[in-house]
mmCIF file of all heavy atoms, coordinates in Angstrom:
data_MODEL
# 
_entry.id   MODEL 
# 
loop_
_atom_site.group_PDB 
_atom_site.id 
_atom_site.type_symbol 
_atom_site.label_atom_id 
_atom_site.label_alt_id 
_atom_site.label_comp_id 
_atom_site.label_asym_id 
_atom_site.label_entity_id 
_atom_site.label_seq_id 
_atom_site.pdbx_PDB_ins_code 
_atom_site.Cartn_x 
_atom_site.Cartn_y 
_atom_site.Cartn_z 
_atom_site.occupancy 
_atom_site.B_iso_or_equiv 
_atom_site.pdbx_formal_charge 
_atom_site.auth_seq_id 
_atom_site.auth_comp_id 
_atom_site.auth_asym_id 
_atom_site.auth_atom_id 
_atom_site.pdbx_PDB_model_num 
ATOM 1   N N   . LEU A 1 1  ? -106.012 -33.922 35.023 1.00 0.00 ? 1  LEU A N   1 
ATOM 2   C CA  . LEU A 1 1  ? -107.087 -33.931 34.044 1.00 0.00 ? 1  LEU A CA  1 
ATOM 3   C C   . LEU A 1 1  ? -108.081 -32.783 34.336 1.00 0.00 ? 1  LEU A C   1 
ATOM 4   O O   . LEU A 1 1  ? -108.466 -32.045 33.445 1.00 0.00 ? 1  LEU A O   1 
ATOM 5   C CB  . LEU A 1 1  ? -107.775 -35.273 33.984 1.00 0.00 ? 1  LEU A CB  1 
ATOM 6   C CG  . LEU A 1 1  ? -108.724 -35.519 32.839 1.00 0.00 ? 1  LEU A CG  1 
ATOM 7   C CD1 . LEU A 1 1  ? -108.058 -35.373 31.485 1.00 0.00 ? 1  LEU A CD1 1 
ATOM 8   C CD2 . LEU A 1 1  ? -109.318 -36.922 32.998 1.00 0.00 ? 1  LEU A CD2 1 
ATOM 9   N N   . ALA A 1 2  ? -108.461 -32.612 35.565 1.00 0.00 ? 2  ALA A N   1 
ATOM 10  C CA  . ALA A 1 2  ? -109.381 -31.596 35.928 1.00 0.00 ? 2  ALA A CA  1 
ATOM 11  C C   . ALA A 1 2  ? -108.816 -30.234 35.655 1.00 0.00 ? 2  ALA A C   1 
ATOM 12  O O   . ALA A 1 2  ? -109.552 -29.269 35.365 1.00 0.00 ? 2  ALA A O   1 
ATOM 13  C CB  . ALA A 1 2  ? -109.796 -31.715 37.427 1.00 0.00 ? 2  ALA A CB  1 
ATOM 14  N N   . GLY A 1 3  ? -107.520 -30.077 35.765 1.00 0.00 ? 3  GLY A N   1 
ATOM 15  C CA  . GLY A 1 3  ? -106.860 -28.809 35.492 1.00 0.00 ? 3  GLY A CA  1 
ATOM 16  C C   . GLY A 1 3  ? -107.100 -28.325 34.067 1.00 0.00 ? 3  GLY A C   1 
ATOM 17  O O   . GLY A 1 3  ? -107.133 -27.139 33.836 1.00 0.00 ? 3  GLY A O   1 
ATOM 18  N N   . ILE A 1 4  ? -107.385 -29.238 33.153 1.00 0.00 ? 4  ILE A N   1 
ATOM 19  C CA  . ILE A 1 4  ? -107.699 -28.836 31.749 1.00 0.00 ? 4  ILE A CA  1 
ATOM 20  C C   . ILE A 1 4  ? -109.039 -28.077 31.765 1.00 0.00 ? 4  ILE A C   1 
ATOM 21  O O   . ILE A 1 4  ? -109.062 -26.999 31.142 1.00 0.00 ? 4  ILE A O   1 
ATOM 22  C CB  . ILE A 1 4  ? -107.798 -30.092 30.839 1.00 0.00 ? 4  ILE A CB  1 
ATOM 23  C CG1 . ILE A 1 4  ? -106.447 -30.834 30.802 1.00 0.00 ? 4  ILE A CG1 1 
ATOM 24  C CG2 . ILE A 1 4  ? -108.302 -29.725 29.459 1.00 0.00 ? 4  ILE A CG2 1 
ATOM 25  C CD1 . ILE A 1 4  ? -106.495 -32.210 30.205 1.00 0.00 ? 4  ILE A CD1 1 
ATOM 26  N N   . TRP A 1 5  ? -110.010 -28.621 32.418 1.00 0.00 ? 5  TRP A N   1 
ATOM 27  C CA  . TRP A 1 5  ? -111.350 -27.990 32.361 1.00 0.00 ? 5  TRP A CA  1 
ATOM 28  C C   . TRP A 1 5  ? -111.525 -26.798 33.371 1.00 0.00 ? 5  TRP A C   1 
ATOM 29  O O   . TRP A 1 5  ? -112.440 -26.022 33.179 1.00 0.00 ? 5  TRP A O   1 
ATOM 30  C CB  . TRP A 1 5  ? -112.428 -28.995 32.653 1.00 0.00 ? 5  TRP A CB  1 
ATOM 31  C CG  . TRP A 1 5  ? -112.519 -29.900 31.488 1.00 0.00 ? 5  TRP A CG  1 
ATOM 32  C CD1 . TRP A 1 5  ? -113.104 -29.669 30.257 1.00 0.00 ? 5  TRP A CD1 1 
ATOM 33  C CD2 . TRP A 1 5  ? -112.047 -31.224 31.423 1.00 0.00 ? 5  TRP A CD2 1 
ATOM 34  N NE1 . TRP A 1 5  ? -113.011 -30.696 29.485 1.00 0.00 ? 5  TRP A NE1 1 
ATOM 35  C CE2 . TRP A 1 5  ? -112.354 -31.743 30.106 1.00 0.00 ? 5  TRP A CE2 1 
ATOM 36  C CE3 . TRP A 1 5  ? -111.343 -32.076 32.263 1.00 0.00 ? 5  TRP A CE3 1 
ATOM 37  C CZ2 . TRP A 1 5  ? -112.006 -32.971 29.668 1.00 0.00 ? 5  TRP A CZ2 1 
ATOM 38  C CZ3 . TRP A 1 5  ? -111.011 -33.359 31.836 1.00 0.00 ? 5  TRP A CZ3 1 
ATOM 39  C CH2 . TRP A 1 5  ? -111.318 -33.806 30.505 1.00 0.00 ? 5  TRP A CH2 1 
ATOM 40  N N   . THR A 1 6  ? -110.579 -26.635 34.299 1.00 0.00 ? 6  THR A N   1 
ATOM 41  C CA  . THR A 1 6  ? -110.696 -25.528 35.233 1.00 0.00 ? 6  THR A CA  1 
ATOM 42  C C   . THR A 1 6  ? -109.714 -24.397 34.885 1.00 0.00 ? 6  THR A C   1 
ATOM 43  O O   . THR A 1 6  ? -109.643 -23.428 35.611 1.00 0.00 ? 6  THR A O   1 
ATOM 44  C CB  . THR A 1 6  ? -110.414 -25.986 36.679 1.00 0.00 ? 6  THR A CB  1 
ATOM 45  O OG1 . THR A 1 6  ? -109.122 -26.571 36.762 1.00 0.00 ? 6  THR A OG1 1 
ATOM 46  C CG2 . THR A 1 6  ? -111.498 -26.959 37.115 1.00 0.00 ? 6  THR A CG2 1 
ATOM 47  N N   . SER A 1 7  ? -109.040 -24.498 33.761 1.00 0.00 ? 7  SER A N   1 
ATOM 48  C CA  . SER A 1 7  ? -108.183 -23.428 33.272 1.00 0.00 ? 7  SER A CA  1 
ATOM 49  C C   . SER A 1 7  ? -109.047 -22.176 33.036 1.00 0.00 ? 7  SER A C   1 
ATOM 50  O O   . SER A 1 7  ? -110.178 -22.284 32.695 1.00 0.00 ? 7  SER A O   1 
ATOM 51  C CB  . SER A 1 7  ? -107.478 -23.844 31.986 1.00 0.00 ? 7  SER A CB  1 
ATOM 52  O OG  . SER A 1 7  ? -106.651 -24.982 32.199 1.00 0.00 ? 7  SER A OG  1 
ATOM 53  N N   . LEU A 1 8  ? -108.405 -21.047 33.203 1.00 0.00 ? 8  LEU A N   1 
ATOM 54  C CA  . LEU A 1 8  ? -109.101 -19.768 33.049 1.00 0.00 ? 8  LEU A CA  1 
ATOM 55  C C   . LEU A 1 8  ? -109.327 -19.369 31.606 1.00 0.00 ? 8  LEU A C   1 
ATOM 56  O O   . LEU A 1 8  ? -110.249 -18.661 31.275 1.00 0.00 ? 8  LEU A O   1 
ATOM 57  C CB  . LEU A 1 8  ? -108.369 -18.659 33.763 1.00 0.00 ? 8  LEU A CB  1 
ATOM 58  C CG  . LEU A 1 8  ? -108.368 -18.773 35.285 1.00 0.00 ? 8  LEU A CG  1 
ATOM 59  C CD1 . LEU A 1 8  ? -107.604 -17.633 35.887 1.00 0.00 ? 8  LEU A CD1 1 
ATOM 60  C CD2 . LEU A 1 8  ? -109.770 -18.864 35.881 1.00 0.00 ? 8  LEU A CD2 1 
ATOM 61  N N   . THR A 1 9  ? -108.414 -19.821 30.699 1.00 0.00 ? 9  THR A N   1 
ATOM 62  C CA  . THR A 1 9  ? -108.535 -19.427 29.330 1.00 0.00 ? 9  THR A CA  1 
ATOM 63  C C   . THR A 1 9  ? -108.391 -20.692 28.413 1.00 0.00 ? 9  THR A C   1 
ATOM 64  O O   . THR A 1 9  ? -107.933 -21.696 28.825 1.00 0.00 ? 9  THR A O   1 
ATOM 65  C CB  . THR A 1 9  ? -107.434 -18.453 28.917 1.00 0.00 ? 9  THR A CB  1 
ATOM 66  O OG1 . THR A 1 9  ? -106.138 -19.138 28.976 1.00 0.00 ? 9  THR A OG1 1 
ATOM 67  C CG2 . THR A 1 9  ? -107.353 -17.197 29.823 1.00 0.00 ? 9  THR A CG2 1 
ATOM 68  N N   . LEU A 1 10 ? -108.874 -20.533 27.189 1.00 0.00 ? 10 LEU A N   1 
ATOM 69  C CA  . LEU A 1 10 ? -108.737 -21.606 26.226 1.00 0.00 ? 10 LEU A CA  1 
ATOM 70  C C   . LEU A 1 10 ? -107.352 -21.939 25.917 1.00 0.00 ? 10 LEU A C   1 
ATOM 71  O O   . LEU A 1 10 ? -106.957 -23.088 25.839 1.00 0.00 ? 10 LEU A O   1 
ATOM 72  C CB  . LEU A 1 10 ? -109.518 -21.182 24.952 1.00 0.00 ? 10 LEU A CB  1 
ATOM 73  C CG  . LEU A 1 10 ? -109.386 -22.147 23.715 1.00 0.00 ? 10 LEU A CG  1 
ATOM 74  C CD1 . LEU A 1 10 ? -109.938 -23.482 24.115 1.00 0.00 ? 10 LEU A CD1 1 
ATOM 75  C CD2 . LEU A 1 10 ? -110.112 -21.598 22.507 1.00 0.00 ? 10 LEU A CD2 1 
ATOM 76  N N   . GLU A 1 11 ? -106.457 -20.944 25.836 1.00 0.00 ? 11 GLU A N   1 
ATOM 77  C CA  . GLU A 1 11 ? -105.040 -21.170 25.553 1.00 0.00 ? 11 GLU A CA  1 
ATOM 78  C C   . GLU A 1 11 ? -104.419 -21.964 26.681 1.00 0.00 ? 11 GLU A C   1 
ATOM 79  O O   . GLU A 1 11 ? -103.628 -22.916 26.451 1.00 0.00 ? 11 GLU A O   1 
ATOM 80  C CB  . GLU A 1 11 ? -104.282 -19.849 25.351 1.00 0.00 ? 11 GLU A CB  1 
ATOM 81  C CG  . GLU A 1 11 ? -104.728 -19.090 24.137 1.00 0.00 ? 11 GLU A CG  1 
ATOM 82  C CD  . GLU A 1 11 ? -106.097 -18.386 24.282 1.00 0.00 ? 11 GLU A CD  1 
ATOM 83  O OE1 . GLU A 1 11 ? -106.546 -18.095 25.429 1.00 0.00 ? 11 GLU A OE1 1 
ATOM 84  O OE2 . GLU A 1 11 ? -106.759 -18.167 23.259 1.00 0.00 ? 11 GLU A OE2 1 
ATOM 85  N N   . GLU A 1 12 ? -104.761 -21.618 27.953 1.00 0.00 ? 12 GLU A N   1 
ATOM 86  C CA  . GLU A 1 12 ? -104.227 -22.370 29.094 1.00 0.00 ? 12 GLU A CA  1 
ATOM 87  C C   . GLU A 1 12 ? -104.726 -23.825 29.067 1.00 0.00 ? 12 GLU A C   1 
ATOM 88  O O   . GLU A 1 12 ? -104.044 -24.771 29.330 1.00 0.00 ? 12 GLU A O   1 
ATOM 89  C CB  . GLU A 1 12 ? -104.643 -21.699 30.405 1.00 0.00 ? 12 GLU A CB  1 
ATOM 90  C CG  . GLU A 1 12 ? -104.108 -22.346 31.668 1.00 0.00 ? 12 GLU A CG  1 
ATOM 91  C CD  . GLU A 1 12 ? -104.566 -21.673 32.911 1.00 0.00 ? 12 GLU A CD  1 
ATOM 92  O OE1 . GLU A 1 12 ? -104.817 -20.504 32.893 1.00 0.00 ? 12 GLU A OE1 1 
ATOM 93  O OE2 . GLU A 1 12 ? -104.651 -22.419 33.934 1.00 0.00 ? 12 GLU A OE2 1 
ATOM 94  N N   . ALA A 1 13 ? -105.973 -24.003 28.716 1.00 0.00 ? 13 ALA A N   1 
ATOM 95  C CA  . ALA A 1 13 ? -106.632 -25.320 28.629 1.00 0.00 ? 13 ALA A CA  1 
ATOM 96  C C   . ALA A 1 13 ? -105.920 -26.159 27.576 1.00 0.00 ? 13 ALA A C   1 
ATOM 97  O O   . ALA A 1 13 ? -105.624 -27.372 27.767 1.00 0.00 ? 13 ALA A O   1 
ATOM 98  C CB  . ALA A 1 13 ? -108.115 -25.280 28.362 1.00 0.00 ? 13 ALA A CB  1 
ATOM 99  N N   . ARG A 1 14 ? -105.626 -25.593 26.425 1.00 0.00 ? 14 ARG A N   1 
ATOM 100 C CA  . ARG A 1 14 ? -104.948 -26.302 25.388 1.00 0.00 ? 14 ARG A CA  1 
ATOM 101 C C   . ARG A 1 14 ? -103.543 -26.723 25.785 1.00 0.00 ? 14 ARG A C   1 
ATOM 102 O O   . ARG A 1 14 ? -103.031 -27.791 25.512 1.00 0.00 ? 14 ARG A O   1 
ATOM 103 C CB  . ARG A 1 14 ? -104.861 -25.437 24.113 1.00 0.00 ? 14 ARG A CB  1 
ATOM 104 C CG  . ARG A 1 14 ? -106.203 -25.382 23.382 1.00 0.00 ? 14 ARG A CG  1 
ATOM 105 C CD  . ARG A 1 14 ? -106.090 -24.569 22.107 1.00 0.00 ? 14 ARG A CD  1 
ATOM 106 N NE  . ARG A 1 14 ? -107.298 -24.586 21.374 1.00 0.00 ? 14 ARG A NE  1 
ATOM 107 C CZ  . ARG A 1 14 ? -107.744 -23.634 20.592 1.00 0.00 ? 14 ARG A CZ  1 
ATOM 108 N NH1 . ARG A 1 14 ? -106.936 -22.544 20.382 1.00 0.00 ? 14 ARG A NH1 1 
ATOM 109 N NH2 . ARG A 1 14 ? -108.904 -23.704 19.950 1.00 0.00 ? 14 ARG A NH2 1 
ATOM 110 N N   . THR A 1 15 ? -102.873 -25.805 26.489 1.00 0.00 ? 15 THR A N   1 
ATOM 111 C CA  . THR A 1 15 ? -101.533 -26.129 27.022 1.00 0.00 ? 15 THR A CA  1 
ATOM 112 C C   . THR A 1 15 ? -101.576 -27.295 28.029 1.00 0.00 ? 15 THR A C   1 
ATOM 113 O O   . THR A 1 15 ? -100.744 -28.182 27.961 1.00 0.00 ? 15 THR A O   1 
ATOM 114 C CB  . THR A 1 15 ? -100.940 -24.846 27.660 1.00 0.00 ? 15 THR A CB  1 
ATOM 115 O OG1 . THR A 1 15 ? -100.799 -23.833 26.729 1.00 0.00 ? 15 THR A OG1 1 
ATOM 116 C CG2 . THR A 1 15 ? -99.543  -25.102 28.275 1.00 0.00 ? 15 THR A CG2 1 
ATOM 117 N N   . GLN A 1 16 ? -102.536 -27.210 28.924 1.00 0.00 ? 16 GLN A N   1 
ATOM 118 C CA  . GLN A 1 16 ? -102.724 -28.296 29.893 1.00 0.00 ? 16 GLN A CA  1 
ATOM 119 C C   . GLN A 1 16 ? -103.033 -29.648 29.205 1.00 0.00 ? 16 GLN A C   1 
ATOM 120 O O   . GLN A 1 16 ? -102.514 -30.681 29.576 1.00 0.00 ? 16 GLN A O   1 
ATOM 121 C CB  . GLN A 1 16 ? -103.912 -27.945 30.878 1.00 0.00 ? 16 GLN A CB  1 
ATOM 122 C CG  . GLN A 1 16 ? -103.618 -26.805 31.748 1.00 0.00 ? 16 GLN A CG  1 
ATOM 123 C CD  . GLN A 1 16 ? -102.828 -27.159 32.986 1.00 0.00 ? 16 GLN A CD  1 
ATOM 124 O OE1 . GLN A 1 16 ? -102.655 -28.329 33.307 1.00 0.00 ? 16 GLN A OE1 1 
ATOM 125 N NE2 . GLN A 1 16 ? -102.340 -26.161 33.663 1.00 0.00 ? 16 GLN A NE2 1 
ATOM 126 N N   . LEU A 1 17 ? -103.925 -29.569 28.201 1.00 0.00 ? 17 LEU A N   1 
ATOM 127 C CA  . LEU A 1 17 ? -104.219 -30.799 27.465 1.00 0.00 ? 17 LEU A CA  1 
ATOM 128 C C   . LEU A 1 17 ? -103.049 -31.380 26.806 1.00 0.00 ? 17 LEU A C   1 
ATOM 129 O O   . LEU A 1 17 ? -102.820 -32.583 26.769 1.00 0.00 ? 17 LEU A O   1 
ATOM 130 C CB  . LEU A 1 17 ? -105.382 -30.442 26.413 1.00 0.00 ? 17 LEU A CB  1 
ATOM 131 C CG  . LEU A 1 17 ? -105.840 -31.610 25.514 1.00 0.00 ? 17 LEU A CG  1 
ATOM 132 C CD1 . LEU A 1 17 ? -106.401 -32.747 26.396 1.00 0.00 ? 17 LEU A CD1 1 
ATOM 133 C CD2 . LEU A 1 17 ? -106.893 -31.080 24.548 1.00 0.00 ? 17 LEU A CD2 1 
ATOM 134 N N   . ALA A 1 18 ? -102.257 -30.512 26.081 1.00 0.00 ? 18 ALA A N   1 
ATOM 135 C CA  . ALA A 1 18 ? -101.060 -30.996 25.419 1.00 0.00 ? 18 ALA A CA  1 
ATOM 136 C C   . ALA A 1 18 ? -100.063 -31.624 26.403 1.00 0.00 ? 18 ALA A C   1 
ATOM 137 O O   . ALA A 1 18 ? -99.484  -32.651 26.112 1.00 0.00 ? 18 ALA A O   1 
ATOM 138 C CB  . ALA A 1 18 ? -100.450 -29.823 24.623 1.00 0.00 ? 18 ALA A CB  1 
ATOM 139 N N   . ALA A 1 19 ? -99.936  -30.995 27.551 1.00 0.00 ? 19 ALA A N   1 
ATOM 140 C CA  . ALA A 1 19 ? -99.024  -31.530 28.535 1.00 0.00 ? 19 ALA A CA  1 
ATOM 141 C C   . ALA A 1 19 ? -99.456  -32.846 29.090 1.00 0.00 ? 19 ALA A C   1 
ATOM 142 O O   . ALA A 1 19 ? -98.689  -33.777 29.285 1.00 0.00 ? 19 ALA A O   1 
ATOM 143 C CB  . ALA A 1 19 ? -98.864  -30.537 29.705 1.00 0.00 ? 19 ALA A CB  1 
ATOM 144 N N   . PHE A 1 20 ? -100.773 -32.966 29.286 1.00 0.00 ? 20 PHE A N   1 
ATOM 145 C CA  . PHE A 1 20 ? -101.340 -34.184 29.803 1.00 0.00 ? 20 PHE A CA  1 
ATOM 146 C C   . PHE A 1 20 ? -101.117 -35.332 28.727 1.00 0.00 ? 20 PHE A C   1 
ATOM 147 O O   . PHE A 1 20 ? -100.662 -36.409 29.099 1.00 0.00 ? 20 PHE A O   1 
ATOM 148 C CB  . PHE A 1 20 ? -102.865 -33.999 30.074 1.00 0.00 ? 20 PHE A CB  1 
ATOM 149 C CG  . PHE A 1 20 ? -103.477 -35.200 30.698 1.00 0.00 ? 20 PHE A CG  1 
ATOM 150 C CD1 . PHE A 1 20 ? -103.543 -35.322 32.027 1.00 0.00 ? 20 PHE A CD1 1 
ATOM 151 C CD2 . PHE A 1 20 ? -104.083 -36.189 29.904 1.00 0.00 ? 20 PHE A CD2 1 
ATOM 152 C CE1 . PHE A 1 20 ? -104.169 -36.453 32.598 1.00 0.00 ? 20 PHE A CE1 1 
ATOM 153 C CE2 . PHE A 1 20 ? -104.719 -37.303 30.447 1.00 0.00 ? 20 PHE A CE2 1 
ATOM 154 C CZ  . PHE A 1 20 ? -104.731 -37.411 31.834 1.00 0.00 ? 20 PHE A CZ  1 
ATOM 155 N N   . LYS A 1 21 ? -101.427 -35.051 27.491 1.00 0.00 ? 21 LYS A N   1 
ATOM 156 C CA  . LYS A 1 21 ? -101.245 -36.023 26.495 1.00 0.00 ? 21 LYS A CA  1 
ATOM 157 C C   . LYS A 1 21 ? -99.753  -36.406 26.389 1.00 0.00 ? 21 LYS A C   1 
ATOM 158 O O   . LYS A 1 21 ? -99.467  -37.619 26.238 1.00 0.00 ? 21 LYS A O   1 
ATOM 159 C CB  . LYS A 1 21 ? -101.775 -35.512 25.150 1.00 0.00 ? 21 LYS A CB  1 
ATOM 160 C CG  . LYS A 1 21 ? -103.257 -35.438 25.142 1.00 0.00 ? 21 LYS A CG  1 
ATOM 161 C CD  . LYS A 1 21 ? -103.897 -35.125 23.786 1.00 0.00 ? 21 LYS A CD  1 
ATOM 162 C CE  . LYS A 1 21 ? -103.160 -34.164 22.879 1.00 0.00 ? 21 LYS A CE  1 
ATOM 163 N NZ  . LYS A 1 21 ? -103.901 -33.797 21.712 1.00 0.00 ? 21 LYS A NZ  1 
ATOM 164 N N   . GLY A 1 22 ? -98.889  -35.483 26.406 1.00 0.00 ? 22 GLY A N   1 
ATOM 165 C CA  . GLY A 1 22 ? -97.464  -35.808 26.321 1.00 0.00 ? 22 GLY A CA  1 
ATOM 166 C C   . GLY A 1 22 ? -96.923  -36.642 27.512 1.00 0.00 ? 22 GLY A C   1 
ATOM 167 O O   . GLY A 1 22 ? -96.184  -37.572 27.242 1.00 0.00 ? 22 GLY A O   1 
ATOM 168 N N   . LYS A 1 23 ? -97.451  -36.327 28.649 1.00 0.00 ? 23 LYS A N   1 
ATOM 169 C CA  . LYS A 1 23 ? -96.986  -37.097 29.863 1.00 0.00 ? 23 LYS A CA  1 
ATOM 170 C C   . LYS A 1 23 ? -97.493  -38.504 29.911 1.00 0.00 ? 23 LYS A C   1 
ATOM 171 O O   . LYS A 1 23 ? -96.768  -39.441 30.360 1.00 0.00 ? 23 LYS A O   1 
ATOM 172 C CB  . LYS A 1 23 ? -97.482  -36.328 31.081 1.00 0.00 ? 23 LYS A CB  1 
ATOM 173 C CG  . LYS A 1 23 ? -97.003  -36.958 32.388 1.00 0.00 ? 23 LYS A CG  1 
ATOM 174 C CD  . LYS A 1 23 ? -97.395  -36.100 33.580 1.00 0.00 ? 23 LYS A CD  1 
ATOM 175 C CE  . LYS A 1 23 ? -96.894  -36.691 34.868 1.00 0.00 ? 23 LYS A CE  1 
ATOM 176 N NZ  . LYS A 1 23 ? -97.249  -35.818 36.060 1.00 0.00 ? 23 LYS A NZ  1 
ATOM 177 N N   . TYR A 1 24 ? -98.718  -38.756 29.455 1.00 0.00 ? 24 TYR A N   1 
ATOM 178 C CA  . TYR A 1 24 ? -99.357  -40.037 29.665 1.00 0.00 ? 24 TYR A CA  1 
ATOM 179 C C   . TYR A 1 24 ? -99.519  -40.883 28.410 1.00 0.00 ? 24 TYR A C   1 
ATOM 180 O O   . TYR A 1 24 ? -100.026 -42.006 28.471 1.00 0.00 ? 24 TYR A O   1 
ATOM 181 C CB  . TYR A 1 24 ? -100.652 -39.888 30.413 1.00 0.00 ? 24 TYR A CB  1 
ATOM 182 C CG  . TYR A 1 24 ? -100.539 -39.339 31.795 1.00 0.00 ? 24 TYR A CG  1 
ATOM 183 C CD1 . TYR A 1 24 ? -100.939 -38.101 32.091 1.00 0.00 ? 24 TYR A CD1 1 
ATOM 184 C CD2 . TYR A 1 24 ? -100.000 -40.165 32.821 1.00 0.00 ? 24 TYR A CD2 1 
ATOM 185 C CE1 . TYR A 1 24 ? -100.795 -37.557 33.406 1.00 0.00 ? 24 TYR A CE1 1 
ATOM 186 C CE2 . TYR A 1 24 ? -99.858  -39.711 34.057 1.00 0.00 ? 24 TYR A CE2 1 
ATOM 187 C CZ  . TYR A 1 24 ? -100.244 -38.414 34.355 1.00 0.00 ? 24 TYR A CZ  1 
ATOM 188 O OH  . TYR A 1 24 ? -100.073 -37.952 35.646 1.00 0.00 ? 24 TYR A OH  1 
# 
């Protein structure tokens, strides 16, 4: 979850968020 907010770019954060939602 913290990886979403510590991503370097918005695109990376969106990718992390989508992966998190898909996984859980």
